[in-house]
Amino acid sequence: MKELRRQKLLTQKELADRVEVEYQTVQRWESGARHPRPVQLRKLCTVLDVTPSQLLAALDETRAVAAANGLQRVATSDPG
């Protein structure tokens, strides 16, 4: 999702204002910690000029990367 936002030359704060959420919410979406609610998805699609499928694919990719990073941290911190 971060890439979609950057393509529109928007900061997290600007996107948050347009979608009517706090900028921390956008941070959580971009980190994969949370998913937008349906009403927020519609607003995001409009602001980012993407289809729901494109947005959901970007969010799923973000979650996959976050999960992989989490596994990598666990693997490198495992003493065994």
PDB file of N, CA and C in Angstrom:
ATOM      1  N   MET A   1       0.815  -1.181   0.000  1.00  0.00           N
ATOM      2  CA  MET A   1       0.000   0.000   0.000  1.00  0.00           C
ATOM      3  C   MET A   1       0.864   1.253   0.000  1.00  0.00           C
ATOM      4  N   LYS A   2       2.009   1.171   0.640  1.00  0.00           N
ATOM      5  CA  LYS A   2       2.896   2.326   0.698  1.00  0.00           C
ATOM      6  C   LYS A   2       3.270   2.795  -0.710  1.00  0.00           C
ATOM      7  N   GLU A   3       3.521   1.846  -1.594  1.00  0.00           N
ATOM      8  CA  GLU A   3       3.897   2.195  -2.969  1.00  0.00           C
ATOM      9  C   GLU A   3       2.748   2.902  -3.684  1.00  0.00           C
ATOM     10  N   LEU A   4       1.531   2.445  -3.464  1.00  0.00           N
ATOM     11  CA  LEU A   4       0.372   3.111  -4.074  1.00  0.00           C
ATOM     12  C   LEU A   4       0.262   4.550  -3.581  1.00  0.00           C
ATOM     13  N   ARG A   5       0.484   4.741  -2.289  1.00  0.00           N
ATOM     14  CA  ARG A   5       0.438   6.094  -1.710  1.00  0.00           C
ATOM     15  C   ARG A   5       1.529   6.963  -2.301  1.00  0.00           C
ATOM     16  N   ARG A   6       2.725   6.412  -2.398  1.00  0.00           N
ATOM     17  CA  ARG A   6       3.853   7.183  -2.933  1.00  0.00           C
ATOM     18  C   ARG A   6       3.652   7.548  -4.393  1.00  0.00           C
ATOM     19  N   GLN A   7       3.012   6.663  -5.155  1.00  0.00           N
ATOM     20  CA  GLN A   7       2.732   6.964  -6.565  1.00  0.00           C
ATOM     21  C   GLN A   7       1.838   8.195  -6.697  1.00  0.00           C
ATOM     22  N   LYS A   8       1.001   8.425  -5.707  1.00  0.00           N
ATOM     23  CA  LYS A   8       0.120   9.598  -5.699  1.00  0.00           C
ATOM     24  C   LYS A   8       0.778  10.800  -5.018  1.00  0.00           C
ATOM     25  N   LEU A   9       2.060  10.631  -4.625  1.00  0.00           N
ATOM     26  CA  LEU A   9       2.837  11.697  -3.979  1.00  0.00           C
ATOM     27  C   LEU A   9       2.165  12.207  -2.707  1.00  0.00           C
ATOM     28  N   LEU A  10       1.630  11.283  -1.935  1.00  0.00           N
ATOM     29  CA  LEU A  10       0.950  11.624  -0.687  1.00  0.00           C
ATOM     30  C   LEU A  10       1.791  11.177   0.503  1.00  0.00           C
ATOM     31  N   THR A  11       1.774  11.973   1.558  1.00  0.00           N
ATOM     32  CA  THR A  11       2.364  11.548   2.820  1.00  0.00           C
ATOM     33  C   THR A  11       1.330  10.690   3.550  1.00  0.00           C
ATOM     34  N   GLN A  12       1.769  10.009   4.602  1.00  0.00           N
ATOM     35  CA  GLN A  12       0.820   9.247   5.406  1.00  0.00           C
ATOM     36  C   GLN A  12      -0.240  10.170   5.993  1.00  0.00           C
ATOM     37  N   LYS A  13       0.166  11.335   6.425  1.00  0.00           N
ATOM     38  CA  LYS A  13      -0.768  12.308   7.015  1.00  0.00           C
ATOM     39  C   LYS A  13      -1.797  12.770   5.984  1.00  0.00           C
ATOM     40  N   GLU A  14      -1.331  13.055   4.763  1.00  0.00           N
ATOM     41  CA  GLU A  14      -2.256  13.509   3.720  1.00  0.00           C
ATOM     42  C   GLU A  14      -3.273  12.418   3.374  1.00  0.00           C
ATOM     43  N   LEU A  15      -2.799  11.176   3.255  1.00  0.00           N
ATOM     44  CA  LEU A  15      -3.719  10.085   2.969  1.00  0.00           C
ATOM     45  C   LEU A  15      -4.696   9.899   4.128  1.00  0.00           C
ATOM     46  N   ALA A  16      -4.188   9.961   5.336  1.00  0.00           N
ATOM     47  CA  ALA A  16      -5.050   9.826   6.515  1.00  0.00           C
ATOM     48  C   ALA A  16      -6.141  10.892   6.518  1.00  0.00           C
ATOM     49  N   ASP A  17      -5.780  12.117   6.215  1.00  0.00           N
ATOM     50  CA  ASP A  17      -6.764  13.209   6.185  1.00  0.00           C
ATOM     51  C   ASP A  17      -7.843  12.943   5.137  1.00  0.00           C
ATOM     52  N   ARG A  18      -7.437  12.460   3.982  1.00  0.00           N
ATOM     53  CA  ARG A  18      -8.406  12.207   2.906  1.00  0.00           C
ATOM     54  C   ARG A  18      -9.322  11.029   3.199  1.00  0.00           C
ATOM     55  N   VAL A  19      -8.819  10.066   3.960  1.00  0.00           N
ATOM     56  CA  VAL A  19      -9.611   8.883   4.291  1.00  0.00           C
ATOM     57  C   VAL A  19     -10.316   9.051   5.642  1.00  0.00           C
ATOM     58  N   GLU A  20      -9.993  10.146   6.322  1.00  0.00           N
ATOM     59  CA  GLU A  20     -10.613  10.506   7.593  1.00  0.00           C
ATOM     60  C   GLU A  20     -10.256   9.525   8.705  1.00  0.00           C
ATOM     61  N   VAL A  21      -8.937   9.260   8.818  1.00  0.00           N
ATOM     62  CA  VAL A  21      -8.401   8.444   9.913  1.00  0.00           C
ATOM     63  C   VAL A  21      -7.161   9.153  10.449  1.00  0.00           C
ATOM     64  N   GLU A  22      -6.632   8.657  11.560  1.00  0.00           N
ATOM     65  CA  GLU A  22      -5.391   9.184  12.102  1.00  0.00           C
ATOM     66  C   GLU A  22      -4.222   8.666  11.266  1.00  0.00           C
ATOM     67  N   TYR A  23      -3.132   9.425  11.200  1.00  0.00           N
ATOM     68  CA  TYR A  23      -2.003   8.978  10.388  1.00  0.00           C
ATOM     69  C   TYR A  23      -1.404   7.685  10.933  1.00  0.00           C
ATOM     70  N   GLN A  24      -1.547   7.446  12.245  1.00  0.00           N
ATOM     71  CA  GLN A  24      -1.051   6.198  12.822  1.00  0.00           C
ATOM     72  C   GLN A  24      -1.790   4.992  12.242  1.00  0.00           C
ATOM     73  N   THR A  25      -3.051   5.196  11.872  1.00  0.00           N
ATOM     74  CA  THR A  25      -3.828   4.121  11.250  1.00  0.00           C
ATOM     75  C   THR A  25      -3.217   3.752   9.909  1.00  0.00           C
ATOM     76  N   VAL A  26      -2.827   4.751   9.132  1.00  0.00           N
ATOM     77  CA  VAL A  26      -2.170   4.494   7.845  1.00  0.00           C
ATOM     78  C   VAL A  26      -0.852   3.761   8.085  1.00  0.00           C
ATOM     79  N   GLN A  27      -0.119   4.155   9.112  1.00  0.00           N
ATOM     80  CA  GLN A  27       1.131   3.451   9.437  1.00  0.00           C
ATOM     81  C   GLN A  27       0.861   1.975   9.712  1.00  0.00           C
ATOM     82  N   ARG A  28      -0.186   1.686  10.452  1.00  0.00           N
ATOM     83  CA  ARG A  28      -0.516   0.297  10.783  1.00  0.00           C
ATOM     84  C   ARG A  28      -0.908  -0.493   9.535  1.00  0.00           C
ATOM     85  N   TRP A  29      -1.654   0.154   8.637  1.00  0.00           N
ATOM     86  CA  TRP A  29      -2.008  -0.519   7.390  1.00  0.00           C
ATOM     87  C   TRP A  29      -0.751  -0.844   6.593  1.00  0.00           C
ATOM     88  N   GLU A  30       0.145   0.134   6.499  1.00  0.00           N
ATOM     89  CA  GLU A  30       1.346  -0.035   5.687  1.00  0.00           C
ATOM     90  C   GLU A  30       2.332  -1.028   6.306  1.00  0.00           C
ATOM     91  N   SER A  31       2.274  -1.210   7.605  1.00  0.00           N
ATOM     92  CA  SER A  31       3.167  -2.170   8.252  1.00  0.00           C
ATOM     93  C   SER A  31       2.569  -3.571   8.266  1.00  0.00           C
ATOM     94  N   GLY A  32       1.301  -3.690   7.894  1.00  0.00           N
ATOM     95  CA  GLY A  32       0.636  -4.985   7.907  1.00  0.00           C
ATOM     96  C   GLY A  32       0.026  -5.340   9.246  1.00  0.00           C
ATOM     97  N   ALA A  33       0.080  -4.410  10.192  1.00  0.00           N
ATOM     98  CA  ALA A  33      -0.463  -4.676  11.524  1.00  0.00           C
ATOM     99  C   ALA A  33      -1.994  -4.697  11.539  1.00  0.00           C
ATOM    100  N   ARG A  34      -2.595  -3.962  10.647  1.00  0.00           N
ATOM    101  CA  ARG A  34      -4.060  -3.887  10.576  1.00  0.00           C
ATOM    102  C   ARG A  34      -4.505  -3.804   9.126  1.00  0.00           C
ATOM    103  N   HIS A  35      -5.780  -4.136   8.909  1.00  0.00           N
ATOM    104  CA  HIS A  35      -6.417  -3.998   7.598  1.00  0.00           C
ATOM    105  C   HIS A  35      -7.481  -2.902   7.688  1.00  0.00           C
ATOM    106  N   PRO A  36      -7.676  -2.142   6.642  1.00  0.00           N
ATOM    107  CA  PRO A  36      -8.747  -1.128   6.655  1.00  0.00           C
ATOM    108  C   PRO A  36     -10.123  -1.777   6.715  1.00  0.00           C
ATOM    109  N   ARG A  37     -11.056  -1.067   7.302  1.00  0.00           N
ATOM    110  CA  ARG A  37     -12.455  -1.498   7.321  1.00  0.00           C
ATOM    111  C   ARG A  37     -13.050  -1.266   5.928  1.00  0.00           C
ATOM    112  N   PRO A  38     -14.193  -1.904   5.624  1.00  0.00           N
ATOM    113  CA  PRO A  38     -14.788  -1.751   4.284  1.00  0.00           C
ATOM    114  C   PRO A  38     -15.017  -0.304   3.853  1.00  0.00           C
ATOM    115  N   VAL A  39     -15.524   0.531   4.740  1.00  0.00           N
ATOM    116  CA  VAL A  39     -15.761   1.925   4.354  1.00  0.00           C
ATOM    117  C   VAL A  39     -14.432   2.629   4.056  1.00  0.00           C
ATOM    118  N   GLN A  40     -13.400   2.275   4.798  1.00  0.00           N
ATOM    119  CA  GLN A  40     -12.077   2.865   4.557  1.00  0.00           C
ATOM    120  C   GLN A  40     -11.481   2.342   3.257  1.00  0.00           C
ATOM    121  N   LEU A  41     -11.740   1.079   2.942  1.00  0.00           N
ATOM    122  CA  LEU A  41     -11.263   0.515   1.676  1.00  0.00           C
ATOM    123  C   LEU A  41     -11.828   1.288   0.492  1.00  0.00           C
ATOM    124  N   ARG A  42     -13.106   1.598   0.560  1.00  0.00           N
ATOM    125  CA  ARG A  42     -13.731   2.358  -0.539  1.00  0.00           C
ATOM    126  C   ARG A  42     -13.079   3.729  -0.691  1.00  0.00           C
ATOM    127  N   LYS A  43     -12.854   4.400   0.431  1.00  0.00           N
ATOM    128  CA  LYS A  43     -12.218   5.720   0.381  1.00  0.00           C
ATOM    129  C   LYS A  43     -10.796   5.619  -0.146  1.00  0.00           C
ATOM    130  N   LEU A  44     -10.061   4.603   0.307  1.00  0.00           N
ATOM    131  CA  LEU A  44      -8.691   4.410  -0.162  1.00  0.00           C
ATOM    132  C   LEU A  44      -8.658   4.175  -1.665  1.00  0.00           C
ATOM    133  N   CYS A  45      -9.566   3.365  -2.165  1.00  0.00           N
ATOM    134  CA  CYS A  45      -9.620   3.103  -3.602  1.00  0.00           C
ATOM    135  C   CYS A  45      -9.848   4.390  -4.381  1.00  0.00           C
ATOM    136  N   THR A  46     -10.715   5.224  -3.877  1.00  0.00           N
ATOM    137  CA  THR A  46     -10.999   6.494  -4.548  1.00  0.00           C
ATOM    138  C   THR A  46      -9.783   7.407  -4.518  1.00  0.00           C
ATOM    139  N   VAL A  47      -9.188   7.581  -3.360  1.00  0.00           N
ATOM    140  CA  VAL A  47      -8.042   8.478  -3.213  1.00  0.00           C
ATOM    141  C   VAL A  47      -6.835   7.975  -4.006  1.00  0.00           C
ATOM    142  N   LEU A  48      -6.591   6.672  -3.943  1.00  0.00           N
ATOM    143  CA  LEU A  48      -5.417   6.104  -4.604  1.00  0.00           C
ATOM    144  C   LEU A  48      -5.680   5.744  -6.066  1.00  0.00           C
ATOM    145  N   ASP A  49      -6.938   5.859  -6.487  1.00  0.00           N
ATOM    146  CA  ASP A  49      -7.344   5.590  -7.871  1.00  0.00           C
ATOM    147  C   ASP A  49      -6.978   4.165  -8.288  1.00  0.00           C
ATOM    148  N   VAL A  50      -7.395   3.210  -7.456  1.00  0.00           N
ATOM    149  CA  VAL A  50      -7.170   1.795  -7.733  1.00  0.00           C
ATOM    150  C   VAL A  50      -8.467   1.023  -7.527  1.00  0.00           C
ATOM    151  N   THR A  51      -8.506  -0.190  -8.055  1.00  0.00           N
ATOM    152  CA  THR A  51      -9.669  -1.039  -7.837  1.00  0.00           C
ATOM    153  C   THR A  51      -9.541  -1.704  -6.463  1.00  0.00           C
ATOM    154  N   PRO A  52     -10.650  -2.188  -5.931  1.00  0.00           N
ATOM    155  CA  PRO A  52     -10.563  -2.923  -4.667  1.00  0.00           C
ATOM    156  C   PRO A  52      -9.602  -4.112  -4.757  1.00  0.00           C
ATOM    157  N   SER A  53      -9.592  -4.798  -5.875  1.00  0.00           N
ATOM    158  CA  SER A  53      -8.680  -5.939  -6.042  1.00  0.00           C
ATOM    159  C   SER A  53      -7.223  -5.507  -5.970  1.00  0.00           C
ATOM    160  N   GLN A  54      -6.906  -4.394  -6.600  1.00  0.00           N
ATOM    161  CA  GLN A  54      -5.526  -3.890  -6.569  1.00  0.00           C
ATOM    162  C   GLN A  54      -5.123  -3.508  -5.145  1.00  0.00           C
ATOM    163  N   LEU A  55      -6.020  -2.852  -4.443  1.00  0.00           N
ATOM    164  CA  LEU A  55      -5.720  -2.425  -3.080  1.00  0.00           C
ATOM    165  C   LEU A  55      -5.558  -3.633  -2.154  1.00  0.00           C
ATOM    166  N   LEU A  56      -6.462  -4.595  -2.257  1.00  0.00           N
ATOM    167  CA  LEU A  56      -6.367  -5.780  -1.410  1.00  0.00           C
ATOM    168  C   LEU A  56      -5.102  -6.576  -1.714  1.00  0.00           C
ATOM    169  N   ALA A  57      -4.709  -6.628  -2.973  1.00  0.00           N
ATOM    170  CA  ALA A  57      -3.464  -7.322  -3.326  1.00  0.00           C
ATOM    171  C   ALA A  57      -2.271  -6.624  -2.683  1.00  0.00           C
ATOM    172  N   ALA A  58      -2.271  -5.295  -2.702  1.00  0.00           N
ATOM    173  CA  ALA A  58      -1.179  -4.536  -2.083  1.00  0.00           C
ATOM    174  C   ALA A  58      -1.156  -4.764  -0.577  1.00  0.00           C
ATOM    175  N   LEU A  59      -2.318  -4.803   0.052  1.00  0.00           N
ATOM    176  CA  LEU A  59      -2.392  -5.041   1.490  1.00  0.00           C
ATOM    177  C   LEU A  59      -1.943  -6.459   1.834  1.00  0.00           C
ATOM    178  N   ASP A  60      -2.330  -7.438   1.018  1.00  0.00           N
ATOM    179  CA  ASP A  60      -1.908  -8.815   1.256  1.00  0.00           C
ATOM    180  C   ASP A  60      -0.400  -8.950   1.109  1.00  0.00           C
ATOM    181  N   GLU A  61       0.169  -8.260   0.131  1.00  0.00           N
ATOM    182  CA  GLU A  61       1.620  -8.289  -0.052  1.00  0.00           C
ATOM    183  C   GLU A  61       2.323  -7.693   1.168  1.00  0.00           C
ATOM    184  N   THR A  62       1.778  -6.608   1.687  1.00  0.00           N
ATOM    185  CA  THR A  62       2.341  -5.971   2.878  1.00  0.00           C
ATOM    186  C   THR A  62       2.323  -6.934   4.056  1.00  0.00           C
ATOM    187  N   ARG A  63       1.217  -7.626   4.244  1.00  0.00           N
ATOM    188  CA  ARG A  63       1.110  -8.586   5.353  1.00  0.00           C
ATOM    189  C   ARG A  63       2.095  -9.736   5.183  1.00  0.00           C
ATOM    190  N   ALA A  64       2.267 -10.202   3.952  1.00  0.00           N
ATOM    191  CA  ALA A  64       3.198 -11.303   3.704  1.00  0.00           C
ATOM    192  C   ALA A  64       4.626 -10.889   4.027  1.00  0.00           C
ATOM    193  N   VAL A  65       4.994  -9.682   3.642  1.00  0.00           N
ATOM    194  CA  VAL A  65       6.339  -9.173   3.934  1.00  0.00           C
ATOM    195  C   VAL A  65       6.521  -9.020   5.442  1.00  0.00           C
ATOM    196  N   ALA A  66       5.518  -8.485   6.120  1.00  0.00           N
ATOM    197  CA  ALA A  66       5.600  -8.310   7.570  1.00  0.00           C
ATOM    198  C   ALA A  66       5.750  -9.660   8.263  1.00  0.00           C
ATOM    199  N   ALA A  67       5.009 -10.651   7.798  1.00  0.00           N
ATOM    200  CA  ALA A  67       5.100 -11.982   8.397  1.00  0.00           C
ATOM    201  C   ALA A  67       6.480 -12.582   8.155  1.00  0.00           C
ATOM    202  N   ALA A  68       7.001 -12.429   6.949  1.00  0.00           N
ATOM    203  CA  ALA A  68       8.332 -12.963   6.634  1.00  0.00           C
ATOM    204  C   ALA A  68       9.396 -12.278   7.482  1.00  0.00           C
ATOM    205  N   ASN A  69       9.269 -10.981   7.664  1.00  0.00           N
ATOM    206  CA  ASN A  69      10.227 -10.259   8.504  1.00  0.00           C
ATOM    207  C   ASN A  69      10.153 -10.734   9.945  1.00  0.00           C
ATOM    208  N   GLY A  70       8.961 -11.001  10.427  1.00  0.00           N
ATOM    209  CA  GLY A  70       8.793 -11.504  11.779  1.00  0.00           C
ATOM    210  C   GLY A  70       9.428 -12.870  11.951  1.00  0.00           C
ATOM    211  N   LEU A  71       9.266 -13.730  10.954  1.00  0.00           N
ATOM    212  CA  LEU A  71       9.885 -15.056  11.018  1.00  0.00           C
ATOM    213  C   LEU A  71      11.396 -14.960  10.967  1.00  0.00           C
ATOM    214  N   GLN A  72      11.889 -14.037  10.163  1.00  0.00           N
ATOM    215  CA  GLN A  72      13.336 -13.867  10.059  1.00  0.00           C
ATOM    216  C   GLN A  72      13.923 -13.397  11.386  1.00  0.00           C
ATOM    217  N   ARG A  73      13.237 -12.491  12.064  1.00  0.00           N
ATOM    218  CA  ARG A  73      13.709 -12.019  13.374  1.00  0.00           C
ATOM    219  C   ARG A  73      13.738 -13.140  14.382  1.00  0.00           C
ATOM    220  N   VAL A  74      12.701 -13.981  14.358  1.00  0.00           N
ATOM    221  CA  VAL A  74      12.655 -15.107  15.286  1.00  0.00           C
ATOM    222  C   VAL A  74      13.794 -16.080  14.992  1.00  0.00           C
ATOM    223  N   ALA A  75      14.019 -16.345  13.723  1.00  0.00           N
ATOM    224  CA  ALA A  75      15.080 -17.294  13.338  1.00  0.00           C
ATOM    225  C   ALA A  75      16.459 -16.791  13.723  1.00  0.00           C
ATOM    226  N   THR A  76      16.691 -15.492  13.576  1.00  0.00           N
ATOM    227  CA  THR A  76      18.030 -14.968  13.891  1.00  0.00           C
ATOM    228  C   THR A  76      18.235 -14.774  15.377  1.00  0.00           C
ATOM    229  N   SER A  77      17.160 -14.693  16.148  1.00  0.00           N
ATOM    230  CA  SER A  77      17.304 -14.522  17.584  1.00  0.00           C
ATOM    231  C   SER A  77      17.244 -15.850  18.329  1.00  0.00           C
ATOM    232  N   ASP A  78      16.975 -16.931  17.615  1.00  0.00           N
ATOM    233  CA  ASP A  78      16.869 -18.256  18.233  1.00  0.00           C
ATOM    234  C   ASP A  78      18.279 -18.774  18.567  1.00  0.00           C
ATOM    235  N   PRO A  79      18.568 -19.006  19.851  1.00  0.00           N
ATOM    236  CA  PRO A  79      19.918 -19.450  20.221  1.00  0.00           C
ATOM    237  C   PRO A  79      20.208 -20.899  19.810  1.00  0.00           C
ATOM    238  N   GLY A  80      19.162 -21.663  19.505  1.00  0.00           N
ATOM    239  CA  GLY A  80      19.364 -23.073  19.186  1.00  0.00           C
ATOM    240  C   GLY A  80      19.577 -23.270  17.770  1.00  0.00           C
TER     241      GLY A  80
END
